[in-house]
Amino acid sequence: MRCLVFALALLAAAATSARAQDAIPDLKGTWSGKGKSIVFSSHPHHPGSQTAADPPRVRDIEATYIVEGQEGRLAWGRSSSAVANTQEPFAWAIASDNKTIIGADMDGYFRITLISPDSIEKCYAHNGTSPTRSIVATCHVMNRVKP
């Protein structure tokens, strides 16, 4: 009988742990991070007089993403940078592994990996067909800003 009780307790603990791992992450809040971007031409977040025909520039970027809402695996909000307070809308979708996030904003695409509940690696790119005709690529870590 003692073995049966122990086995049931172990099974319950394993089921609780599995459910916690399956929980959809809550992304709501403010995320901030700094990194480097490779940029052809210019863009509000990477100002300058360069054109796509000029050599690329490696630039620092400090970005902030405010996830205003989330419904299940879908999240949305607005982004800005230290250089341009564009308040650009974005939409993200969380994959079934609860760690992979894809998304888009007005001119580019995201591939995000959830590192921990309060840390993500955000990769972002847009191509020369964007309204600014600039080309941008970046990956850097962003952390949730604690109130």
N, C-alpha and C. Protein backbone atom coordinates (compact mmCIF):
# COMPACT_ATOMS: atom_id res chain seq x y z
N MET A 1 0.83 -1.19 0.00
CA MET A 1 0.00 0.00 0.00
C MET A 1 0.88 1.26 0.00
N ARG A 2 1.94 1.20 0.79
CA ARG A 2 2.85 2.34 0.88
C ARG A 2 3.47 2.64 -0.49
N CYS A 3 3.81 1.62 -1.25
CA CYS A 3 4.37 1.79 -2.59
C CYS A 3 3.35 2.41 -3.53
N LEU A 4 2.07 2.03 -3.40
CA LEU A 4 1.02 2.58 -4.25
C LEU A 4 0.85 4.08 -3.97
N VAL A 5 0.85 4.47 -2.72
CA VAL A 5 0.71 5.89 -2.36
C VAL A 5 1.91 6.67 -2.90
N PHE A 6 3.12 6.12 -2.75
CA PHE A 6 4.32 6.78 -3.26
C PHE A 6 4.26 6.93 -4.78
N ALA A 7 3.84 5.87 -5.46
CA ALA A 7 3.74 5.91 -6.93
C ALA A 7 2.72 6.94 -7.38
N LEU A 8 1.59 7.03 -6.71
CA LEU A 8 0.57 8.02 -7.06
C LEU A 8 1.07 9.45 -6.82
N ALA A 9 1.78 9.66 -5.72
CA ALA A 9 2.34 10.99 -5.43
C ALA A 9 3.37 11.37 -6.48
N LEU A 10 4.21 10.43 -6.88
CA LEU A 10 5.21 10.69 -7.91
C LEU A 10 4.54 11.00 -9.25
N LEU A 11 3.52 10.27 -9.59
CA LEU A 11 2.77 10.51 -10.83
C LEU A 11 2.11 11.89 -10.81
N ALA A 12 1.53 12.27 -9.70
CA ALA A 12 0.89 13.59 -9.58
C ALA A 12 1.92 14.70 -9.72
N ALA A 13 3.09 14.53 -9.11
CA ALA A 13 4.15 15.55 -9.22
C ALA A 13 4.62 15.67 -10.66
N ALA A 14 4.77 14.56 -11.35
CA ALA A 14 5.21 14.60 -12.75
C ALA A 14 4.16 15.27 -13.62
N ALA A 15 2.89 14.99 -13.39
CA ALA A 15 1.83 15.60 -14.18
C ALA A 15 1.78 17.11 -13.95
N THR A 16 1.96 17.54 -12.70
CA THR A 16 1.96 18.98 -12.39
C THR A 16 3.13 19.66 -13.07
N SER A 17 4.30 19.02 -13.05
CA SER A 17 5.49 19.59 -13.70
C SER A 17 5.28 19.69 -15.21
N ALA A 18 4.70 18.67 -15.82
CA ALA A 18 4.46 18.70 -17.27
C ALA A 18 3.48 19.80 -17.63
N ARG A 19 2.43 19.99 -16.82
CA ARG A 19 1.47 21.06 -17.10
C ARG A 19 2.12 22.42 -16.99
N ALA A 20 3.01 22.62 -16.02
CA ALA A 20 3.69 23.91 -15.86
C ALA A 20 4.56 24.19 -17.08
N GLN A 21 5.20 23.16 -17.64
CA GLN A 21 6.03 23.34 -18.82
C GLN A 21 5.18 23.66 -20.05
N ASP A 22 3.95 23.18 -20.07
CA ASP A 22 3.07 23.39 -21.21
C ASP A 22 2.34 24.72 -21.15
N ALA A 23 2.50 25.48 -20.07
CA ALA A 23 1.78 26.74 -19.93
C ALA A 23 2.26 27.75 -20.98
N ILE A 24 1.30 28.42 -21.59
CA ILE A 24 1.63 29.47 -22.57
C ILE A 24 2.25 30.63 -21.80
N PRO A 25 3.42 31.12 -22.23
CA PRO A 25 4.07 32.21 -21.49
C PRO A 25 3.26 33.51 -21.58
N ASP A 26 3.27 34.25 -20.49
CA ASP A 26 2.63 35.57 -20.44
C ASP A 26 3.67 36.59 -20.86
N LEU A 27 3.48 37.21 -22.02
CA LEU A 27 4.44 38.17 -22.56
C LEU A 27 4.08 39.62 -22.26
N LYS A 28 2.91 39.85 -21.67
CA LYS A 28 2.47 41.22 -21.44
C LYS A 28 3.48 41.98 -20.57
N GLY A 29 3.66 43.26 -20.93
CA GLY A 29 4.58 44.11 -20.19
C GLY A 29 5.56 44.77 -21.13
N THR A 30 6.58 45.35 -20.55
CA THR A 30 7.60 46.10 -21.30
C THR A 30 8.88 45.29 -21.38
N TRP A 31 9.44 45.20 -22.58
CA TRP A 31 10.68 44.50 -22.85
C TRP A 31 11.68 45.50 -23.42
N SER A 32 12.92 45.45 -22.95
CA SER A 32 13.92 46.41 -23.41
C SER A 32 15.25 45.69 -23.62
N GLY A 33 16.01 46.17 -24.61
CA GLY A 33 17.32 45.58 -24.85
C GLY A 33 18.15 46.41 -25.79
N LYS A 34 19.46 46.13 -25.77
CA LYS A 34 20.42 46.83 -26.62
C LYS A 34 21.16 45.80 -27.45
N GLY A 35 21.54 46.20 -28.67
CA GLY A 35 22.30 45.30 -29.52
C GLY A 35 22.87 46.04 -30.71
N LYS A 36 23.34 45.28 -31.67
CA LYS A 36 23.91 45.82 -32.90
C LYS A 36 23.01 45.43 -34.07
N SER A 37 22.93 46.32 -35.05
CA SER A 37 22.17 46.06 -36.28
C SER A 37 23.07 46.31 -37.47
N ILE A 38 22.85 45.54 -38.52
CA ILE A 38 23.49 45.83 -39.81
C ILE A 38 22.42 46.53 -40.65
N VAL A 39 22.78 47.68 -41.24
CA VAL A 39 21.80 48.54 -41.90
C VAL A 39 22.33 48.99 -43.26
N PHE A 40 21.53 48.78 -44.28
CA PHE A 40 21.74 49.40 -45.59
C PHE A 40 20.72 50.53 -45.69
N SER A 41 21.13 51.70 -46.14
CA SER A 41 20.26 52.87 -46.30
C SER A 41 19.99 53.48 -44.93
N SER A 42 18.87 54.16 -44.77
CA SER A 42 18.52 54.77 -43.49
C SER A 42 17.08 54.44 -43.15
N HIS A 43 16.74 54.67 -41.91
CA HIS A 43 15.45 54.25 -41.36
C HIS A 43 15.23 55.11 -40.12
N PRO A 44 14.01 55.32 -39.66
CA PRO A 44 13.82 56.15 -38.47
C PRO A 44 14.65 55.71 -37.26
N HIS A 45 14.85 54.40 -37.10
CA HIS A 45 15.65 53.91 -35.98
C HIS A 45 17.15 53.94 -36.27
N HIS A 46 17.50 54.14 -37.53
CA HIS A 46 18.89 54.20 -37.98
C HIS A 46 19.03 55.37 -38.95
N PRO A 47 18.95 56.60 -38.45
CA PRO A 47 18.94 57.77 -39.34
C PRO A 47 20.28 57.97 -40.05
N GLY A 48 20.23 58.71 -41.13
CA GLY A 48 21.42 59.04 -41.89
C GLY A 48 21.07 59.39 -43.31
N SER A 49 22.08 59.73 -44.09
CA SER A 49 21.85 60.09 -45.49
C SER A 49 22.23 58.95 -46.43
N GLN A 50 22.56 57.78 -45.89
CA GLN A 50 22.99 56.65 -46.71
C GLN A 50 21.84 56.12 -47.56
N THR A 51 22.21 55.54 -48.70
CA THR A 51 21.24 54.87 -49.56
C THR A 51 21.59 53.38 -49.60
N ALA A 52 20.74 52.61 -50.22
CA ALA A 52 21.00 51.17 -50.32
C ALA A 52 22.26 50.88 -51.14
N ALA A 53 22.70 51.82 -51.98
CA ALA A 53 23.91 51.63 -52.78
C ALA A 53 25.18 51.87 -51.96
N ASP A 54 25.07 52.51 -50.81
CA ASP A 54 26.23 52.77 -49.95
C ASP A 54 26.59 51.52 -49.16
N PRO A 55 27.82 51.46 -48.65
CA PRO A 55 28.20 50.29 -47.83
C PRO A 55 27.31 50.19 -46.59
N PRO A 56 27.14 48.98 -46.07
CA PRO A 56 26.31 48.81 -44.88
C PRO A 56 26.98 49.43 -43.66
N ARG A 57 26.15 49.77 -42.67
CA ARG A 57 26.64 50.31 -41.41
C ARG A 57 26.27 49.35 -40.28
N VAL A 58 27.15 49.23 -39.30
CA VAL A 58 26.83 48.50 -38.08
C VAL A 58 26.50 49.56 -37.04
N ARG A 59 25.28 49.49 -36.52
CA ARG A 59 24.80 50.53 -35.61
C ARG A 59 24.29 49.92 -34.30
N ASP A 60 24.41 50.69 -33.24
CA ASP A 60 23.82 50.31 -31.96
C ASP A 60 22.32 50.58 -32.02
N ILE A 61 21.56 49.72 -31.35
CA ILE A 61 20.12 49.91 -31.25
C ILE A 61 19.71 49.64 -29.81
N GLU A 62 18.87 50.50 -29.27
CA GLU A 62 18.24 50.28 -27.97
C GLU A 62 16.74 50.32 -28.22
N ALA A 63 16.10 49.18 -28.08
CA ALA A 63 14.69 49.04 -28.44
C ALA A 63 13.83 48.72 -27.22
N THR A 64 12.57 49.15 -27.30
CA THR A 64 11.58 48.86 -26.27
C THR A 64 10.32 48.34 -26.95
N TYR A 65 9.82 47.24 -26.46
CA TYR A 65 8.57 46.65 -26.95
C TYR A 65 7.60 46.59 -25.79
N ILE A 66 6.42 47.15 -26.00
CA ILE A 66 5.37 47.08 -24.98
C ILE A 66 4.30 46.14 -25.51
N VAL A 67 4.19 44.97 -24.86
CA VAL A 67 3.16 44.01 -25.22
C VAL A 67 1.91 44.44 -24.47
N GLU A 68 0.98 45.01 -25.22
CA GLU A 68 -0.23 45.60 -24.64
C GLU A 68 -1.32 44.58 -24.38
N GLY A 69 -1.34 43.51 -25.17
CA GLY A 69 -2.39 42.51 -25.02
C GLY A 69 -1.92 41.14 -25.44
N GLN A 70 -2.60 40.14 -24.90
CA GLN A 70 -2.31 38.76 -25.27
C GLN A 70 -3.57 37.95 -25.11
N GLU A 71 -3.86 37.14 -26.12
CA GLU A 71 -4.96 36.19 -26.05
C GLU A 71 -4.41 34.84 -26.46
N GLY A 72 -4.21 33.97 -25.50
CA GLY A 72 -3.63 32.66 -25.79
C GLY A 72 -2.23 32.82 -26.38
N ARG A 73 -2.05 32.28 -27.57
CA ARG A 73 -0.73 32.30 -28.22
C ARG A 73 -0.49 33.55 -29.06
N LEU A 74 -1.40 34.50 -29.05
CA LEU A 74 -1.27 35.73 -29.85
C LEU A 74 -1.02 36.92 -28.94
N ALA A 75 -0.02 37.74 -29.32
CA ALA A 75 0.32 38.93 -28.53
C ALA A 75 0.50 40.11 -29.47
N TRP A 76 0.26 41.32 -28.96
CA TRP A 76 0.39 42.52 -29.79
C TRP A 76 0.78 43.70 -28.92
N GLY A 77 1.30 44.71 -29.61
CA GLY A 77 1.70 45.91 -28.89
C GLY A 77 2.34 46.92 -29.81
N ARG A 78 3.22 47.74 -29.23
CA ARG A 78 3.89 48.82 -29.96
C ARG A 78 5.36 48.85 -29.58
N SER A 79 6.18 49.30 -30.55
CA SER A 79 7.62 49.35 -30.31
C SER A 79 8.17 50.74 -30.59
N SER A 80 9.32 51.00 -30.01
CA SER A 80 10.04 52.26 -30.24
C SER A 80 11.51 51.99 -29.98
N SER A 81 12.33 53.00 -30.27
CA SER A 81 13.77 52.89 -29.97
C SER A 81 14.20 54.16 -29.28
N ALA A 82 15.44 54.16 -28.79
CA ALA A 82 15.99 55.36 -28.14
C ALA A 82 16.11 56.51 -29.13
N VAL A 83 16.16 56.19 -30.42
CA VAL A 83 16.33 57.21 -31.47
C VAL A 83 14.99 57.69 -32.02
N ALA A 84 13.98 56.81 -32.08
CA ALA A 84 12.70 57.16 -32.70
C ALA A 84 11.54 56.55 -31.92
N ASN A 85 10.69 57.40 -31.41
CA ASN A 85 9.51 56.96 -30.67
C ASN A 85 8.37 56.72 -31.66
N THR A 86 8.51 55.71 -32.50
CA THR A 86 7.57 55.47 -33.60
C THR A 86 6.25 54.84 -33.14
N GLN A 87 6.26 54.16 -32.01
CA GLN A 87 5.06 53.45 -31.54
C GLN A 87 4.49 52.56 -32.64
N GLU A 88 5.40 51.86 -33.30
CA GLU A 88 5.01 50.99 -34.43
C GLU A 88 4.30 49.75 -33.92
N PRO A 89 3.13 49.42 -34.47
CA PRO A 89 2.42 48.23 -34.02
C PRO A 89 3.13 46.95 -34.46
N PHE A 90 3.01 45.91 -33.63
CA PHE A 90 3.54 44.59 -33.99
C PHE A 90 2.54 43.52 -33.55
N ALA A 91 2.68 42.35 -34.17
CA ALA A 91 1.87 41.18 -33.83
C ALA A 91 2.81 39.98 -33.72
N TRP A 92 2.66 39.20 -32.66
CA TRP A 92 3.48 38.02 -32.43
C TRP A 92 2.58 36.80 -32.25
N ALA A 93 3.09 35.63 -32.63
CA ALA A 93 2.39 34.36 -32.41
C ALA A 93 3.36 33.38 -31.76
N ILE A 94 2.93 32.75 -30.68
CA ILE A 94 3.75 31.81 -29.92
C ILE A 94 3.51 30.40 -30.46
N ALA A 95 4.59 29.70 -30.81
CA ALA A 95 4.48 28.32 -31.32
C ALA A 95 4.15 27.35 -30.18
N SER A 96 3.80 26.13 -30.54
CA SER A 96 3.36 25.15 -29.55
C SER A 96 4.46 24.72 -28.58
N ASP A 97 5.72 24.99 -28.89
CA ASP A 97 6.79 24.65 -27.93
C ASP A 97 6.89 25.69 -26.80
N ASN A 98 6.10 26.77 -26.89
CA ASN A 98 6.06 27.85 -25.89
C ASN A 98 7.39 28.57 -25.72
N LYS A 99 8.28 28.44 -26.69
CA LYS A 99 9.56 29.14 -26.66
C LYS A 99 9.83 29.91 -27.95
N THR A 100 9.23 29.49 -29.04
CA THR A 100 9.46 30.10 -30.34
C THR A 100 8.32 31.07 -30.64
N ILE A 101 8.69 32.28 -31.06
CA ILE A 101 7.70 33.31 -31.38
C ILE A 101 8.06 33.88 -32.75
N ILE A 102 7.07 34.00 -33.62
CA ILE A 102 7.26 34.69 -34.89
C ILE A 102 6.35 35.90 -34.90
N GLY A 103 6.67 36.87 -35.74
CA GLY A 103 5.82 38.04 -35.78
C GLY A 103 6.20 38.99 -36.88
N ALA A 104 5.47 40.10 -36.92
CA ALA A 104 5.69 41.11 -37.94
C ALA A 104 5.31 42.48 -37.39
N ASP A 105 5.92 43.52 -37.99
CA ASP A 105 5.49 44.89 -37.76
C ASP A 105 5.22 45.51 -39.12
N MET A 106 5.25 46.81 -39.23
CA MET A 106 4.85 47.47 -40.48
C MET A 106 5.79 47.19 -41.65
N ASP A 107 7.05 46.79 -41.36
CA ASP A 107 7.97 46.60 -42.48
C ASP A 107 8.95 45.44 -42.29
N GLY A 108 8.79 44.64 -41.26
CA GLY A 108 9.74 43.57 -41.04
C GLY A 108 9.16 42.41 -40.27
N TYR A 109 10.04 41.45 -39.96
CA TYR A 109 9.63 40.20 -39.35
C TYR A 109 10.49 39.86 -38.15
N PHE A 110 9.89 39.15 -37.19
CA PHE A 110 10.56 38.74 -35.95
C PHE A 110 10.70 37.23 -35.91
N ARG A 111 11.81 36.79 -35.32
CA ARG A 111 11.98 35.42 -34.85
C ARG A 111 12.52 35.58 -33.43
N ILE A 112 11.74 35.16 -32.47
CA ILE A 112 12.06 35.38 -31.07
C ILE A 112 12.12 34.04 -30.36
N THR A 113 13.08 33.90 -29.44
CA THR A 113 13.19 32.71 -28.61
C THR A 113 13.05 33.13 -27.15
N LEU A 114 12.14 32.48 -26.45
CA LEU A 114 11.97 32.73 -25.02
C LEU A 114 13.08 32.01 -24.28
N ILE A 115 13.96 32.78 -23.63
CA ILE A 115 15.09 32.22 -22.88
C ILE A 115 14.64 31.86 -21.47
N SER A 116 13.86 32.73 -20.86
CA SER A 116 13.30 32.53 -19.52
C SER A 116 12.01 33.36 -19.47
N PRO A 117 11.24 33.28 -18.39
CA PRO A 117 10.02 34.09 -18.33
C PRO A 117 10.25 35.59 -18.50
N ASP A 118 11.47 36.06 -18.20
CA ASP A 118 11.76 37.49 -18.27
C ASP A 118 12.88 37.84 -19.25
N SER A 119 13.21 36.93 -20.17
CA SER A 119 14.30 37.19 -21.11
C SER A 119 13.99 36.53 -22.46
N ILE A 120 14.19 37.30 -23.55
CA ILE A 120 13.99 36.78 -24.89
C ILE A 120 15.19 37.15 -25.76
N GLU A 121 15.44 36.33 -26.79
CA GLU A 121 16.37 36.73 -27.83
C GLU A 121 15.52 37.12 -29.03
N LYS A 122 15.61 38.40 -29.41
CA LYS A 122 14.80 38.91 -30.51
C LYS A 122 15.68 39.07 -31.74
N CYS A 123 15.30 38.40 -32.82
CA CYS A 123 15.92 38.62 -34.12
C CYS A 123 14.89 39.30 -34.99
N TYR A 124 15.35 40.29 -35.75
CA TYR A 124 14.44 41.10 -36.56
C TYR A 124 15.11 41.38 -37.90
N ALA A 125 14.34 41.38 -38.96
CA ALA A 125 14.86 41.72 -40.29
C ALA A 125 13.77 42.36 -41.13
N HIS A 126 14.17 43.28 -41.99
CA HIS A 126 13.29 43.72 -43.05
C HIS A 126 14.11 43.96 -44.30
N ASN A 127 13.44 43.83 -45.45
CA ASN A 127 14.16 43.90 -46.72
C ASN A 127 13.90 45.23 -47.43
N GLY A 128 14.54 45.41 -48.55
CA GLY A 128 14.49 46.67 -49.27
C GLY A 128 13.15 47.03 -49.87
N THR A 129 12.15 46.17 -49.73
CA THR A 129 10.82 46.53 -50.22
C THR A 129 10.01 47.28 -49.16
N SER A 130 10.62 47.51 -47.98
CA SER A 130 9.92 48.26 -46.94
C SER A 130 9.71 49.70 -47.40
N PRO A 131 8.79 50.43 -46.76
CA PRO A 131 8.54 51.82 -47.19
C PRO A 131 9.81 52.69 -47.21
N THR A 132 10.77 52.43 -46.32
CA THR A 132 12.00 53.23 -46.29
C THR A 132 13.04 52.72 -47.27
N ARG A 133 12.79 51.54 -47.88
CA ARG A 133 13.71 50.89 -48.80
C ARG A 133 15.04 50.55 -48.13
N SER A 134 15.04 50.44 -46.81
CA SER A 134 16.24 50.06 -46.08
C SER A 134 16.23 48.55 -45.85
N ILE A 135 17.42 48.03 -45.54
CA ILE A 135 17.58 46.61 -45.21
C ILE A 135 18.21 46.56 -43.83
N VAL A 136 17.60 45.79 -42.92
CA VAL A 136 18.05 45.73 -41.53
C VAL A 136 18.03 44.29 -41.05
N ALA A 137 19.03 43.91 -40.25
CA ALA A 137 19.04 42.62 -39.56
C ALA A 137 19.70 42.80 -38.20
N THR A 138 19.12 42.16 -37.18
CA THR A 138 19.67 42.26 -35.82
C THR A 138 19.20 41.07 -34.99
N CYS A 139 19.98 40.69 -34.02
CA CYS A 139 19.59 39.74 -32.97
C CYS A 139 20.21 40.23 -31.68
N HIS A 140 19.41 40.32 -30.63
CA HIS A 140 19.94 40.67 -29.31
C HIS A 140 18.94 40.26 -28.23
N VAL A 141 19.45 40.19 -27.01
CA VAL A 141 18.64 39.80 -25.86
C VAL A 141 17.86 41.01 -25.36
N MET A 142 16.62 40.75 -24.99
CA MET A 142 15.76 41.76 -24.37
C MET A 142 15.24 41.19 -23.07
N ASN A 143 15.11 42.05 -22.08
CA ASN A 143 14.64 41.63 -20.77
C ASN A 143 13.36 42.38 -20.41
N ARG A 144 12.50 41.67 -19.65
CA ARG A 144 11.28 42.30 -19.18
C ARG A 144 11.66 43.37 -18.16
N VAL A 145 11.06 44.54 -18.31
CA VAL A 145 11.31 45.65 -17.38
C VAL A 145 10.40 45.45 -16.18
N LYS A 146 10.99 45.36 -15.02
CA LYS A 146 10.22 45.16 -13.79
C LYS A 146 9.67 46.50 -13.33
N PRO A 147 8.37 46.53 -12.94
CA PRO A 147 7.78 47.80 -12.48
C PRO A 147 8.40 48.31 -11.21
